[in-house]
Every structure is written in structure tokens, then in C-alpha cells.
Amino acid sequence: MSSISSSPTQNAAQGPKPTKAKSVPVHYPFWFGGSAASMAAVVTHPLDLVKVRLQTRTASAPKTTLGTFAYVYRNQGILGLYAGLSAALLRQLTYSTARFGIYEDLKTRFAPVPTPENPKPRQSLLNLVLMSSTAGFLGGIAGNPGDVLNVRMQSDASKPPEAQRNYKHAFDGLIRMIREEGATSIFRGVGANSTRALLMTASQLTSYDVFKQFCLQRMGMQDNFGTHFTASLAAGFVATTICSPVDVVKTRVMSAGGKVGILHLLSEASRKEGLLWMFRGWVPSFIRLGPQTICTMVFFEQHKKLYRRWKGLDE
């Protein structure tokens, strides 16, 4: 009996079947977002301070961005523009670490499965909004203590001497708040803050991903600084417009002394200043949030690029 077998020539011709390498999502360190946002905060802190001063200004205070900037610089010097920087860093190390880390983790966990027809599937816009909203809400809660301190320390110099708190730094302010006002004081305005953080993250991070994909796939741009700059600038515009009303309410609640209800604050401000008070400081908010978004996303992308290079991963 003769056995039927494949000839060596036939085996060599057929060879082993090629296998496609699976596209495995990269798990980046959780702290990348907080690190990138902290770097951005150092660059943009003076703009954030001017925004807070405008939103909490008194009747005699300057009413324009340049006027407020010049007033602070003339009376307090360059260090005055960096008042509350320690609180801003504490805020970013909690708030941005949580929201970026959770958002990136959710995108990795629920990444669409590649198929032969669609080897690089994209997340749907709805999924991105839901994941970024969840990340932003939790980040707002985590970063609330630092946010309260940030607002208080930035607005302190604009108050009468008897009303100033004079926190030495973020940790001094945190200890004094708990000792003098109770542990719940560090979560003052958490409702408005977490809502604003939800809107900020949903509008900022989602729109950045959408604009970045548009630049790469529709405009033929490369995954480089130009794309990151363009996408983050557009994301900053979207985020400022959506978040401005909640940001103003949050700032006023956090800077107020005692127990001030949001409804009371809304009714009083609307009665005295009209409905447009909710968009007060939009221009300085955009002037601050545009560069802040650009710096944050560029630093974040560089973190990821260096990590992939260190790990020897393909782009």
C-alpha cells in the first residue's frame, strides 16, 4: 500500500499560513495625565488667576483681562501672578490624574475588536462621551479640595485685608480649612465642580480625540505637534463655551464665605447683573483654557511617545 503525502515542494509552496499580528492597546501609566496637566498649569497659571479675579471682582476692580493682569503685576509683581500655584498643582495632581487615567483606561478596556474588514476600528462618539463624562465626574470629586484652595488662594489678594485668609501654601490651607470650617468644607461646591468637570472632560477630551482623528484621516496630517496643536486648540474652544456658565457658578460658590446655596447665588446674581453674568470671563477663560488645553495635550502626547519609545512599541 502506498501512503498519500504532500510533497516537499508542495509543502514549501504552501508554507505556514501567515498570521496577522493583533493590535493590542497600549496601557499607559495612570499618572501621565496629572503630570502633563501639572506642567501645563505652571505655564498657564497667570491666565487662570486673571480669570478667577474677573469672576470674583468687586465694583472698583479692573473689568478687562489686560487691566486685571496689569493691576496684579503692578501691585504684587510677577509672584502675584503665581499666587496659589501650589493649590493649582495639587488640583491637577488629583483632578487630572483621575480624569485622564480613568478615561484612558476605559478606552483601553472597551476598545472595539479589530476585524479583517476593519483592522483599526474607532470608538463611537457616544462611547467617548459616556467614558469621558464618567471620568470627569469622578475627577471633579477627587480634585475638589485642591480646586477650593486654588480659587481661594487666587482670589485672596483681591479681598479686603480683614477678609483675606493668607494661606501659606496648599497644605496649610487644607489643614486650616478642616480645622476652622470642618472636614466638609473641602467639598464645598462639589456639585457644581463635578458637573463642570464632567462637562469639561466630555467636551475637552472627546472633542480632542474627534478633532485629532479628523486631522489624521480627513486632512492627511501626520501624528505630530501640528496635529496635536490644531486638535487641542479646537477642543479648547468647545470646552470653554460649554463650561463657562458652570465655571462661573463654581468659582463664586467656592470663593464665598459661609454656607451659600447655589440657588440663592443664581437668583441674586441674575437680579443684580442680568443673565449674561454666567458668561462673565469667557474671553479670559478661552485665553487661559486654549493654551492650557494645548499644553496639556502636547505634554500628554509627548509622555505617550516617550513611553512607547522606551518600551520599543510601534507608533
Protein backbone atom coordinates (compact mmCIF):
# COMPACT_ATOMS: atom_id res chain seq x y z
CA MET A 1 0.00 0.00 0.00
CA SER A 2 1.23 3.39 -0.79
CA SER A 3 0.56 6.28 1.50
CA ILE A 4 -0.51 9.63 0.09
CA SER A 5 1.51 12.52 1.42
CA SER A 6 2.27 16.07 0.41
CA SER A 7 5.48 16.52 -1.48
CA PRO A 8 8.22 18.71 -0.01
CA THR A 9 7.80 21.04 -2.96
CA GLN A 10 4.09 21.37 -2.28
CA ASN A 11 4.69 21.98 1.45
CA ALA A 12 7.28 24.61 0.68
CA ALA A 13 4.93 26.27 -1.77
CA GLN A 14 2.10 26.35 0.71
CA GLY A 15 4.27 27.13 3.73
CA PRO A 16 2.84 28.11 7.10
CA LYS A 17 -0.25 30.25 6.96
CA PRO A 18 0.55 33.87 7.69
CA THR A 19 -0.89 35.21 10.90
CA LYS A 20 -1.85 38.81 11.43
CA ALA A 21 -0.45 40.47 14.48
CA LYS A 22 -3.18 41.58 16.81
CA SER A 23 -3.41 45.26 17.57
CA VAL A 24 -3.03 45.32 21.32
CA PRO A 25 -3.97 48.62 23.02
CA VAL A 26 -1.11 50.21 24.93
CA HIS A 27 -1.68 50.60 28.67
CA TYR A 28 -0.08 53.89 29.65
CA PRO A 29 0.76 54.75 33.28
CA PHE A 30 -2.22 56.18 35.16
CA TRP A 31 -0.35 59.32 36.25
CA PHE A 32 0.51 60.64 32.79
CA GLY A 33 -2.49 62.97 32.65
CA GLY A 34 -1.79 64.53 36.03
CA SER A 35 1.87 65.04 35.16
CA ALA A 36 1.06 66.67 31.80
CA ALA A 37 -1.64 68.90 33.31
CA SER A 38 0.71 69.99 36.12
CA MET A 39 3.31 71.05 33.57
CA ALA A 40 0.62 72.98 31.71
CA ALA A 41 -0.54 74.62 34.95
CA VAL A 42 2.90 76.12 35.50
CA VAL A 43 2.74 77.73 32.05
CA THR A 44 -0.86 78.99 32.20
CA HIS A 45 -1.35 79.79 35.89
CA PRO A 46 -1.27 83.60 35.46
CA LEU A 47 -4.12 83.34 32.93
CA ASP A 48 -6.13 81.20 35.33
CA LEU A 49 -5.55 83.72 38.13
CA VAL A 50 -6.78 86.60 35.95
CA LYS A 51 -9.90 84.60 35.08
CA VAL A 52 -10.69 83.97 38.76
CA ARG A 53 -10.09 87.65 39.65
CA LEU A 54 -12.50 88.75 36.91
CA GLN A 55 -15.18 86.30 38.01
CA THR A 56 -14.96 87.41 41.67
CA ARG A 57 -14.12 91.08 41.13
CA THR A 58 -15.54 93.91 43.20
CA ALA A 59 -17.10 97.06 41.74
CA SER A 60 -13.82 99.03 41.93
CA ALA A 61 -11.65 96.28 40.40
CA PRO A 62 -10.46 96.36 36.75
CA LYS A 63 -13.05 94.97 34.34
CA THR A 64 -10.85 93.72 31.49
CA THR A 65 -8.34 90.92 31.09
CA LEU A 66 -5.41 93.23 30.33
CA GLY A 67 -6.46 95.64 33.08
CA THR A 68 -6.59 92.86 35.67
CA PHE A 69 -3.26 91.45 34.50
CA ALA A 70 -1.61 94.86 34.70
CA TYR A 71 -3.19 95.60 38.09
CA VAL A 72 -1.90 92.36 39.64
CA TYR A 73 1.56 92.79 38.13
CA ARG A 74 1.81 96.45 39.21
CA ASN A 75 0.72 95.83 42.80
CA GLN A 76 2.08 92.34 43.51
CA GLY A 77 4.79 91.73 40.95
CA ILE A 78 5.45 88.57 38.99
CA LEU A 79 4.93 86.41 42.08
CA GLY A 80 1.43 87.82 42.39
CA LEU A 81 0.54 86.23 39.06
CA TYR A 82 1.55 82.87 40.53
CA ALA A 83 -0.47 83.17 43.75
CA GLY A 84 -1.97 79.81 44.62
CA LEU A 85 0.31 77.80 42.32
CA SER A 86 0.75 75.08 44.96
CA ALA A 87 -3.03 74.64 45.11
CA ALA A 88 -3.22 74.55 41.31
CA LEU A 89 -0.63 71.77 41.24
CA LEU A 90 -2.47 69.86 43.98
CA ARG A 91 -5.66 70.19 41.95
CA GLN A 92 -4.07 68.89 38.75
CA LEU A 93 -2.33 66.02 40.55
CA THR A 94 -5.72 64.84 41.82
CA TYR A 95 -8.30 66.04 39.30
CA SER A 96 -6.39 65.50 36.06
CA THR A 97 -4.70 62.30 37.21
CA ALA A 98 -8.12 60.81 37.92
CA ARG A 99 -9.93 62.03 34.81
CA PHE A 100 -7.16 61.25 32.30
CA GLY A 101 -6.33 57.94 33.94
CA ILE A 102 -9.93 56.74 34.09
CA TYR A 103 -10.71 57.93 30.55
CA GLU A 104 -7.67 56.26 29.02
CA ASP A 105 -8.31 53.07 31.00
CA LEU A 106 -11.95 52.93 29.86
CA LYS A 107 -10.92 53.48 26.24
CA THR A 108 -8.48 50.59 26.53
CA ARG A 109 -10.89 48.26 28.35
CA PHE A 110 -13.75 48.86 25.94
CA ALA A 111 -11.74 49.22 22.76
CA PRO A 112 -13.58 47.88 19.68
CA VAL A 113 -12.39 44.47 18.48
CA PRO A 114 -10.43 44.66 15.19
CA THR A 115 -11.76 42.65 12.26
CA PRO A 116 -10.24 41.82 8.86
CA GLU A 117 -12.62 44.33 7.27
CA ASN A 118 -11.84 47.00 9.89
CA PRO A 119 -8.37 46.42 11.41
CA LYS A 120 -8.36 49.79 13.21
CA PRO A 121 -11.89 50.40 14.48
CA ARG A 122 -12.72 53.69 16.17
CA GLN A 123 -14.73 54.30 19.29
CA SER A 124 -18.16 55.73 18.62
CA LEU A 125 -18.80 59.33 19.65
CA LEU A 126 -21.43 58.19 22.16
CA ASN A 127 -18.97 55.83 23.84
CA LEU A 128 -16.34 58.55 24.05
CA VAL A 129 -18.83 60.97 25.62
CA LEU A 130 -20.03 58.40 28.17
CA MET A 131 -16.50 57.36 29.16
CA SER A 132 -15.18 60.92 29.38
CA SER A 133 -18.25 62.04 31.36
CA THR A 134 -17.70 59.26 33.90
CA ALA A 135 -14.00 60.11 34.16
CA GLY A 136 -14.72 63.82 34.53
CA PHE A 137 -17.34 63.38 37.24
CA LEU A 138 -15.03 61.20 39.35
CA GLY A 139 -12.10 63.52 38.68
CA GLY A 140 -14.16 66.51 39.84
CA ILE A 141 -14.84 64.82 43.17
CA ALA A 142 -11.18 63.80 43.61
CA GLY A 143 -9.91 67.28 42.78
CA ASN A 144 -12.47 69.33 44.72
CA PRO A 145 -10.25 70.09 47.77
CA GLY A 146 -7.46 71.37 45.53
CA ASP A 147 -9.96 73.34 43.46
CA VAL A 148 -11.43 75.11 46.51
CA LEU A 149 -7.94 76.05 47.67
CA ASN A 150 -6.95 77.14 44.17
CA VAL A 151 -9.88 79.57 43.89
CA ARG A 152 -9.42 80.90 47.42
CA MET A 153 -5.70 81.49 47.09
CA GLN A 154 -6.03 83.14 43.69
CA SER A 155 -8.83 85.49 44.79
CA ASP A 156 -7.44 86.23 48.27
CA ALA A 157 -5.45 89.34 47.35
CA SER A 158 -8.50 90.98 45.75
CA LYS A 159 -10.40 90.95 49.06
CA PRO A 160 -10.23 93.47 51.92
CA PRO A 161 -7.38 92.74 54.37
CA GLU A 162 -9.78 91.63 57.11
CA ALA A 163 -11.37 89.07 54.77
CA GLN A 164 -8.11 87.59 53.48
CA ARG A 165 -7.24 84.05 54.56
CA ASN A 166 -3.50 84.23 53.82
CA TYR A 167 -2.87 80.52 53.31
CA LYS A 168 0.88 79.89 53.15
CA HIS A 169 0.52 77.04 50.67
CA ALA A 170 -1.95 74.34 49.65
CA PHE A 171 -1.33 72.02 52.58
CA ASP A 172 -1.54 74.88 55.08
CA GLY A 173 -4.85 75.87 53.52
CA LEU A 174 -6.12 72.29 53.59
CA ILE A 175 -5.30 71.88 57.30
CA ARG A 176 -6.76 75.26 58.22
CA MET A 177 -9.96 74.66 56.29
CA ILE A 178 -10.57 71.36 58.06
CA ARG A 179 -9.66 72.81 61.47
CA GLU A 180 -11.57 76.09 61.14
CA GLU A 181 -14.53 75.12 58.94
CA GLY A 182 -14.87 71.37 59.33
CA ALA A 183 -13.97 68.47 57.06
CA THR A 184 -16.95 69.10 54.80
CA SER A 185 -15.53 72.50 53.78
CA ILE A 186 -13.05 70.91 51.38
CA PHE A 187 -16.03 69.59 49.41
CA ARG A 188 -17.80 72.93 49.21
CA GLY A 189 -19.25 73.36 45.74
CA VAL A 190 -18.59 69.71 44.85
CA GLY A 191 -21.90 69.52 42.98
CA ALA A 192 -21.05 72.43 40.68
CA ASN A 193 -17.42 71.33 40.44
CA SER A 194 -18.15 67.71 39.50
CA THR A 195 -20.74 68.90 36.96
CA ARG A 196 -18.24 71.32 35.49
CA ALA A 197 -15.56 68.59 35.47
CA LEU A 198 -17.99 66.23 33.70
CA LEU A 199 -18.72 68.86 31.05
CA MET A 200 -15.07 69.86 30.77
CA THR A 201 -13.77 66.33 30.29
CA ALA A 202 -16.59 65.30 27.95
CA SER A 203 -16.11 68.39 25.79
CA GLN A 204 -12.32 68.69 26.02
CA LEU A 205 -11.06 65.11 25.77
CA THR A 206 -13.81 63.80 23.50
CA SER A 207 -13.54 66.72 21.09
CA TYR A 208 -9.74 66.40 21.12
CA ASP A 209 -9.97 62.75 20.08
CA VAL A 210 -12.56 63.60 17.40
CA PHE A 211 -10.58 66.55 16.01
CA LYS A 212 -7.36 64.54 16.09
CA GLN A 213 -8.93 61.71 14.10
CA PHE A 214 -10.34 64.25 11.65
CA CYS A 215 -6.91 65.78 11.13
CA LEU A 216 -5.28 62.39 10.63
CA GLN A 217 -7.89 60.73 8.42
CA ARG A 218 -9.62 63.55 6.56
CA MET A 219 -6.92 66.20 6.27
CA GLY A 220 -3.98 63.86 5.74
CA MET A 221 -1.97 65.31 8.62
CA GLN A 222 0.70 63.34 10.48
CA ASP A 223 0.55 62.37 14.15
CA ASN A 224 2.85 65.19 15.24
CA PHE A 225 2.91 68.54 17.01
CA GLY A 226 0.91 70.29 14.27
CA THR A 227 -1.97 67.84 14.63
CA HIS A 228 -1.86 67.94 18.43
CA PHE A 229 -1.85 71.76 18.37
CA THR A 230 -4.76 72.04 15.93
CA ALA A 231 -6.93 69.45 17.68
CA SER A 232 -6.28 70.84 21.17
CA LEU A 233 -6.97 74.44 20.10
CA ALA A 234 -10.35 73.41 18.68
CA ALA A 235 -11.05 71.34 21.79
CA GLY A 236 -10.26 74.34 23.99
CA PHE A 237 -12.82 76.47 22.14
CA VAL A 238 -15.53 73.83 22.53
CA ALA A 239 -14.75 73.24 26.20
CA THR A 240 -14.76 76.96 27.07
CA THR A 241 -18.16 77.57 25.50
CA ILE A 242 -19.80 74.58 27.17
CA CYS A 243 -18.24 75.03 30.60
CA SER A 244 -18.27 78.80 31.06
CA PRO A 245 -21.63 79.11 32.94
CA VAL A 246 -20.88 76.25 35.35
CA ASP A 247 -17.32 77.53 35.84
CA VAL A 248 -18.55 80.98 36.93
CA VAL A 249 -21.07 79.47 39.39
CA LYS A 250 -18.41 77.11 40.78
CA THR A 251 -15.92 79.92 41.27
CA ARG A 252 -18.41 82.13 43.12
CA VAL A 253 -19.62 79.34 45.40
CA MET A 254 -16.07 78.30 46.31
CA SER A 255 -14.85 81.84 46.96
CA ALA A 256 -17.86 82.76 49.11
CA GLY A 257 -17.61 82.54 52.87
CA GLY A 258 -20.10 80.63 54.99
CA LYS A 259 -22.89 78.50 53.58
CA VAL A 260 -24.07 79.94 50.29
CA GLY A 261 -26.67 77.99 48.36
CA ILE A 262 -26.33 77.73 44.60
CA LEU A 263 -29.97 78.72 44.02
CA HIS A 264 -29.59 81.82 46.19
CA LEU A 265 -26.40 82.76 44.38
CA LEU A 266 -28.06 82.30 40.97
CA SER A 267 -31.09 84.40 41.84
CA GLU A 268 -29.07 87.22 43.41
CA ALA A 269 -26.55 87.39 40.56
CA SER A 270 -29.27 87.29 37.89
CA ARG A 271 -31.26 90.01 39.65
CA LYS A 272 -28.27 92.34 40.03
CA GLU A 273 -26.24 91.61 36.90
CA GLY A 274 -28.57 90.05 34.32
CA LEU A 275 -28.33 86.58 32.77
CA LEU A 276 -25.11 87.31 30.90
CA TRP A 277 -23.21 87.17 34.20
CA MET A 278 -22.89 83.40 33.63
CA PHE A 279 -20.60 84.09 30.66
CA ARG A 280 -18.52 86.65 32.50
CA GLY A 281 -14.87 85.93 31.91
CA TRP A 282 -15.45 83.88 28.71
CA VAL A 283 -12.62 85.63 26.88
CA PRO A 284 -10.05 85.18 29.67
CA SER A 285 -11.39 81.64 30.12
CA PHE A 286 -10.64 80.88 26.48
CA ILE A 287 -7.34 82.75 26.60
CA ARG A 288 -6.45 80.55 29.55
CA LEU A 289 -8.15 77.28 28.50
CA GLY A 290 -6.88 77.36 24.91
CA PRO A 291 -3.19 77.41 25.92
CA GLN A 292 -3.92 75.13 28.88
CA THR A 293 -5.54 72.54 26.61
CA ILE A 294 -2.76 72.84 24.04
CA CYS A 295 -0.01 72.48 26.66
CA THR A 296 -1.77 69.62 28.44
CA MET A 297 -2.43 67.57 25.31
CA VAL A 298 1.00 68.24 23.79
CA PHE A 299 2.72 67.24 27.05
CA PHE A 300 0.40 64.22 27.33
CA GLU A 301 1.20 63.10 23.77
CA GLN A 302 4.91 63.51 24.48
CA HIS A 303 4.54 61.38 27.62
CA LYS A 304 2.97 58.63 25.50
CA LYS A 305 5.54 58.99 22.73
CA LEU A 306 8.46 58.68 25.12
CA TYR A 307 6.79 55.70 26.83
CA ARG A 308 6.30 53.87 23.50
CA ARG A 309 9.90 54.58 22.55
CA TRP A 310 11.14 53.34 25.94
CA LYS A 311 9.09 50.15 25.62
CA GLY A 312 10.08 49.64 21.98
CA LEU A 313 6.48 49.79 20.77
CA ASP A 314 5.42 50.79 17.29
CA GLU A 315 3.66 54.12 16.82
